[in-house]
Amino acid sequence: MLTMTSIDAQNQFRQLIDASQRQPVTVTRRGRPVAVVLSYEHYQATTQIIPFHVAALISENYPLRDKDAGASMRLHLSTMSDIAAQDGLAEDTVMRMLNED
């Protein structure tokens, strides 16, 4: 992972954004990591990770493999997301509920 100081990130913002399109960039302040800049696509991919127990439950109900499994799961999660939004549940609330033990 590429690393930049906060001063360099400020002074070279365009380069920071360009680099983040290829890989996450750690921004440091006084030698300590304080932030990570990543592409929107990478951000979307990392926020779409579902907890293991939810994935296990879905795989029990949707025993597909390969591309069919991915398509089925995306459709199912999209439907669940739409229903949650209609019920007024924000994404962070749903994620908190899913991660509660």
N, C-alpha and C. Protein backbone atom coordinates (compact mmCIF):
# COMPACT_ATOMS: atom_id res chain seq x y z
N MET A 1 0.85 -1.18 0.00
CA MET A 1 0.00 0.00 0.00
C MET A 1 0.89 1.24 0.00
N LEU A 2 0.53 2.19 -0.82
CA LEU A 2 1.26 3.45 -0.92
C LEU A 2 0.98 4.30 0.32
N THR A 3 1.97 5.08 0.74
CA THR A 3 1.82 5.96 1.91
C THR A 3 2.23 7.38 1.53
N MET A 4 1.46 8.36 2.02
CA MET A 4 1.78 9.78 1.83
C MET A 4 1.60 10.48 3.17
N THR A 5 2.39 11.51 3.39
CA THR A 5 2.17 12.35 4.57
C THR A 5 0.95 13.24 4.32
N SER A 6 0.38 13.75 5.37
CA SER A 6 -0.79 14.62 5.20
C SER A 6 -0.42 15.89 4.44
N ILE A 7 0.79 16.40 4.64
CA ILE A 7 1.25 17.59 3.91
C ILE A 7 1.36 17.27 2.43
N ASP A 8 1.97 16.12 2.08
CA ASP A 8 2.07 15.72 0.68
C ASP A 8 0.69 15.50 0.07
N ALA A 9 -0.21 14.92 0.84
CA ALA A 9 -1.57 14.69 0.34
C ALA A 9 -2.25 16.02 0.02
N GLN A 10 -2.05 17.02 0.86
CA GLN A 10 -2.63 18.34 0.60
C GLN A 10 -2.00 18.98 -0.63
N ASN A 11 -0.70 18.92 -0.69
CA ASN A 11 0.02 19.60 -1.78
C ASN A 11 -0.07 18.86 -3.11
N GLN A 12 -0.33 17.58 -3.07
CA GLN A 12 -0.37 16.76 -4.28
C GLN A 12 -1.71 16.02 -4.37
N PHE A 13 -2.77 16.75 -4.13
CA PHE A 13 -4.10 16.11 -4.07
C PHE A 13 -4.44 15.35 -5.35
N ARG A 14 -4.16 15.94 -6.49
CA ARG A 14 -4.45 15.26 -7.76
C ARG A 14 -3.71 13.93 -7.85
N GLN A 15 -2.45 13.90 -7.47
CA GLN A 15 -1.67 12.66 -7.49
C GLN A 15 -2.23 11.65 -6.49
N LEU A 16 -2.70 12.14 -5.34
CA LEU A 16 -3.31 11.27 -4.34
C LEU A 16 -4.55 10.59 -4.92
N ILE A 17 -5.40 11.36 -5.57
CA ILE A 17 -6.62 10.81 -6.16
C ILE A 17 -6.26 9.81 -7.27
N ASP A 18 -5.31 10.16 -8.11
CA ASP A 18 -4.89 9.26 -9.19
C ASP A 18 -4.34 7.95 -8.62
N ALA A 19 -3.49 8.04 -7.62
CA ALA A 19 -2.90 6.84 -7.01
C ALA A 19 -3.97 5.97 -6.36
N SER A 20 -4.98 6.61 -5.76
CA SER A 20 -6.03 5.85 -5.08
C SER A 20 -6.89 5.05 -6.05
N GLN A 21 -6.84 5.39 -7.33
CA GLN A 21 -7.58 4.63 -8.33
C GLN A 21 -6.93 3.27 -8.61
N ARG A 22 -5.65 3.17 -8.28
CA ARG A 22 -4.90 1.92 -8.50
C ARG A 22 -4.78 1.08 -7.24
N GLN A 23 -4.70 1.75 -6.08
CA GLN A 23 -4.55 1.04 -4.81
C GLN A 23 -4.89 2.00 -3.67
N PRO A 24 -5.29 1.47 -2.51
CA PRO A 24 -5.54 2.35 -1.36
C PRO A 24 -4.25 3.08 -0.97
N VAL A 25 -4.40 4.31 -0.51
CA VAL A 25 -3.25 5.13 -0.10
C VAL A 25 -3.43 5.49 1.38
N THR A 26 -2.43 5.15 2.18
CA THR A 26 -2.44 5.52 3.60
C THR A 26 -1.90 6.93 3.74
N VAL A 27 -2.60 7.76 4.50
CA VAL A 27 -2.15 9.12 4.77
C VAL A 27 -1.69 9.15 6.23
N THR A 28 -0.48 9.66 6.44
CA THR A 28 0.07 9.70 7.79
C THR A 28 0.22 11.14 8.28
N ARG A 29 0.19 11.28 9.59
CA ARG A 29 0.45 12.56 10.23
C ARG A 29 1.40 12.27 11.40
N ARG A 30 2.52 12.94 11.39
CA ARG A 30 3.55 12.71 12.41
C ARG A 30 3.94 11.23 12.49
N GLY A 31 3.98 10.59 11.32
CA GLY A 31 4.43 9.21 11.24
C GLY A 31 3.38 8.16 11.58
N ARG A 32 2.18 8.59 11.93
CA ARG A 32 1.12 7.64 12.29
C ARG A 32 0.03 7.65 11.23
N PRO A 33 -0.50 6.49 10.86
CA PRO A 33 -1.60 6.45 9.88
C PRO A 33 -2.84 7.13 10.46
N VAL A 34 -3.45 8.01 9.66
CA VAL A 34 -4.66 8.71 10.11
C VAL A 34 -5.83 8.54 9.16
N ALA A 35 -5.55 8.10 7.92
CA ALA A 35 -6.63 7.95 6.95
C ALA A 35 -6.17 7.02 5.83
N VAL A 36 -7.16 6.51 5.12
CA VAL A 36 -6.90 5.73 3.91
C VAL A 36 -7.79 6.30 2.81
N VAL A 37 -7.19 6.59 1.66
CA VAL A 37 -7.93 7.10 0.51
C VAL A 37 -7.99 5.97 -0.51
N LEU A 38 -9.21 5.66 -0.95
CA LEU A 38 -9.37 4.60 -1.93
C LEU A 38 -10.39 4.98 -2.97
N SER A 39 -10.36 4.28 -4.10
CA SER A 39 -11.29 4.59 -5.18
C SER A 39 -12.72 4.32 -4.73
N TYR A 40 -13.65 4.95 -5.39
CA TYR A 40 -15.05 4.74 -5.07
C TYR A 40 -15.43 3.28 -5.28
N GLU A 41 -14.92 2.67 -6.35
CA GLU A 41 -15.22 1.27 -6.62
C GLU A 41 -14.71 0.37 -5.50
N HIS A 42 -13.51 0.65 -5.03
CA HIS A 42 -12.96 -0.15 -3.92
C HIS A 42 -13.79 0.07 -2.65
N TYR A 43 -14.17 1.30 -2.40
CA TYR A 43 -15.03 1.60 -1.24
C TYR A 43 -16.33 0.83 -1.33
N GLN A 44 -16.97 0.87 -2.50
CA GLN A 44 -18.23 0.14 -2.68
C GLN A 44 -18.04 -1.34 -2.42
N ALA A 45 -16.96 -1.90 -2.93
CA ALA A 45 -16.70 -3.34 -2.75
C ALA A 45 -16.50 -3.67 -1.28
N THR A 46 -15.79 -2.81 -0.54
CA THR A 46 -15.52 -3.11 0.86
C THR A 46 -16.76 -2.92 1.73
N THR A 47 -17.66 -2.04 1.34
CA THR A 47 -18.86 -1.84 2.15
C THR A 47 -19.94 -2.85 1.83
N GLN A 48 -19.77 -3.62 0.77
CA GLN A 48 -20.75 -4.63 0.41
C GLN A 48 -20.47 -5.98 1.05
N ILE A 49 -19.43 -6.07 1.86
CA ILE A 49 -19.11 -7.33 2.53
C ILE A 49 -20.17 -7.60 3.58
N ILE A 50 -20.67 -8.82 3.57
CA ILE A 50 -21.70 -9.17 4.54
C ILE A 50 -21.10 -10.07 5.61
N PRO A 51 -21.64 -10.01 6.82
CA PRO A 51 -21.11 -10.85 7.89
C PRO A 51 -21.20 -12.34 7.54
N PHE A 52 -20.28 -13.12 8.09
CA PHE A 52 -20.19 -14.54 7.78
C PHE A 52 -21.50 -15.26 8.08
N HIS A 53 -22.12 -14.98 9.23
CA HIS A 53 -23.34 -15.70 9.58
C HIS A 53 -24.49 -15.39 8.61
N VAL A 54 -24.49 -14.19 8.05
CA VAL A 54 -25.51 -13.85 7.06
C VAL A 54 -25.23 -14.58 5.75
N ALA A 55 -23.95 -14.61 5.34
CA ALA A 55 -23.57 -15.34 4.13
C ALA A 55 -23.90 -16.82 4.27
N ALA A 56 -23.64 -17.39 5.44
CA ALA A 56 -23.95 -18.81 5.66
C ALA A 56 -25.45 -19.07 5.54
N LEU A 57 -26.25 -18.18 6.11
CA LEU A 57 -27.70 -18.33 6.03
C LEU A 57 -28.17 -18.25 4.58
N ILE A 58 -27.66 -17.30 3.84
CA ILE A 58 -28.04 -17.14 2.44
C ILE A 58 -27.61 -18.35 1.64
N SER A 59 -26.39 -18.85 1.89
CA SER A 59 -25.92 -20.00 1.11
C SER A 59 -26.73 -21.25 1.40
N GLU A 60 -27.29 -21.37 2.60
CA GLU A 60 -28.17 -22.50 2.92
C GLU A 60 -29.46 -22.43 2.09
N ASN A 61 -29.93 -21.21 1.87
CA ASN A 61 -31.19 -21.03 1.15
C ASN A 61 -31.00 -20.89 -0.36
N TYR A 62 -29.79 -20.59 -0.78
CA TYR A 62 -29.49 -20.41 -2.20
C TYR A 62 -28.26 -21.25 -2.54
N PRO A 63 -28.42 -22.58 -2.62
CA PRO A 63 -27.25 -23.46 -2.83
C PRO A 63 -26.75 -23.48 -4.28
N LEU A 64 -26.50 -22.33 -4.83
CA LEU A 64 -25.99 -22.23 -6.19
C LEU A 64 -24.48 -22.11 -6.17
N ARG A 65 -23.87 -22.22 -7.32
CA ARG A 65 -22.42 -22.10 -7.43
C ARG A 65 -22.05 -21.14 -8.55
N ASP A 66 -20.84 -20.64 -8.48
CA ASP A 66 -20.24 -19.81 -9.52
C ASP A 66 -21.05 -18.55 -9.79
N LYS A 67 -21.20 -18.19 -11.08
CA LYS A 67 -21.86 -16.93 -11.46
C LYS A 67 -23.32 -16.91 -11.05
N ASP A 68 -23.99 -18.07 -11.10
CA ASP A 68 -25.40 -18.12 -10.71
C ASP A 68 -25.58 -17.73 -9.25
N ALA A 69 -24.65 -18.19 -8.40
CA ALA A 69 -24.74 -17.86 -6.97
C ALA A 69 -24.56 -16.36 -6.77
N GLY A 70 -23.57 -15.79 -7.44
CA GLY A 70 -23.33 -14.35 -7.30
C GLY A 70 -24.52 -13.53 -7.76
N ALA A 71 -25.09 -13.89 -8.90
CA ALA A 71 -26.25 -13.16 -9.43
C ALA A 71 -27.44 -13.28 -8.49
N SER A 72 -27.67 -14.48 -7.99
CA SER A 72 -28.78 -14.71 -7.08
C SER A 72 -28.61 -13.92 -5.79
N MET A 73 -27.40 -13.93 -5.25
CA MET A 73 -27.14 -13.21 -4.01
C MET A 73 -27.27 -11.71 -4.21
N ARG A 74 -26.76 -11.18 -5.32
CA ARG A 74 -26.89 -9.74 -5.59
C ARG A 74 -28.35 -9.34 -5.69
N LEU A 75 -29.16 -10.15 -6.36
CA LEU A 75 -30.59 -9.86 -6.48
C LEU A 75 -31.26 -9.89 -5.12
N HIS A 76 -30.94 -10.92 -4.33
CA HIS A 76 -31.52 -11.05 -3.00
C HIS A 76 -31.14 -9.86 -2.11
N LEU A 77 -29.85 -9.50 -2.10
CA LEU A 77 -29.41 -8.38 -1.27
C LEU A 77 -30.00 -7.06 -1.74
N SER A 78 -30.14 -6.90 -3.04
CA SER A 78 -30.75 -5.69 -3.58
C SER A 78 -32.20 -5.57 -3.13
N THR A 79 -32.92 -6.69 -3.20
CA THR A 79 -34.31 -6.71 -2.77
C THR A 79 -34.41 -6.39 -1.29
N MET A 80 -33.54 -7.01 -0.47
CA MET A 80 -33.54 -6.74 0.97
C MET A 80 -33.24 -5.27 1.24
N SER A 81 -32.30 -4.71 0.49
CA SER A 81 -31.92 -3.31 0.66
C SER A 81 -33.09 -2.39 0.32
N ASP A 82 -33.81 -2.70 -0.76
CA ASP A 82 -34.96 -1.90 -1.15
C ASP A 82 -36.04 -1.93 -0.08
N ILE A 83 -36.30 -3.10 0.47
CA ILE A 83 -37.32 -3.25 1.51
C ILE A 83 -36.92 -2.48 2.76
N ALA A 84 -35.65 -2.59 3.14
CA ALA A 84 -35.16 -1.85 4.31
C ALA A 84 -35.31 -0.35 4.10
N ALA A 85 -34.97 0.13 2.92
CA ALA A 85 -35.09 1.57 2.62
C ALA A 85 -36.55 2.01 2.68
N GLN A 86 -37.46 1.19 2.16
CA GLN A 86 -38.89 1.52 2.21
C GLN A 86 -39.39 1.58 3.64
N ASP A 87 -38.79 0.76 4.51
CA ASP A 87 -39.17 0.74 5.93
C ASP A 87 -38.46 1.82 6.73
N GLY A 88 -37.64 2.64 6.05
CA GLY A 88 -36.95 3.74 6.71
C GLY A 88 -35.68 3.35 7.43
N LEU A 89 -35.14 2.16 7.13
CA LEU A 89 -33.91 1.73 7.77
C LEU A 89 -32.71 2.19 6.94
N ALA A 90 -31.82 2.92 7.56
CA ALA A 90 -30.60 3.37 6.88
C ALA A 90 -29.62 2.20 6.82
N GLU A 91 -28.69 2.26 5.86
CA GLU A 91 -27.72 1.18 5.67
C GLU A 91 -26.91 0.92 6.93
N ASP A 92 -26.49 1.99 7.63
CA ASP A 92 -25.69 1.78 8.83
C ASP A 92 -26.49 1.10 9.93
N THR A 93 -27.78 1.37 10.01
CA THR A 93 -28.64 0.70 10.99
C THR A 93 -28.77 -0.78 10.68
N VAL A 94 -28.97 -1.09 9.40
CA VAL A 94 -29.08 -2.50 8.99
C VAL A 94 -27.79 -3.24 9.29
N MET A 95 -26.64 -2.63 8.97
CA MET A 95 -25.36 -3.28 9.23
C MET A 95 -25.15 -3.50 10.72
N ARG A 96 -25.55 -2.52 11.54
CA ARG A 96 -25.42 -2.68 12.99
C ARG A 96 -26.29 -3.84 13.47
N MET A 97 -27.51 -3.94 12.94
CA MET A 97 -28.42 -5.02 13.32
C MET A 97 -27.85 -6.38 12.89
N LEU A 98 -27.26 -6.45 11.72
CA LEU A 98 -26.70 -7.70 11.23
C LEU A 98 -25.50 -8.15 12.04
N ASN A 99 -24.77 -7.20 12.58
CA ASN A 99 -23.54 -7.53 13.32
C ASN A 99 -23.78 -7.73 14.81
N GLU A 100 -24.99 -7.51 15.27
CA GLU A 100 -25.28 -7.74 16.69
C GLU A 100 -25.27 -9.23 16.97
N ASP A 101 -24.74 -9.59 18.11
CA ASP A 101 -24.72 -11.01 18.50
C ASP A 101 -25.98 -11.39 19.22
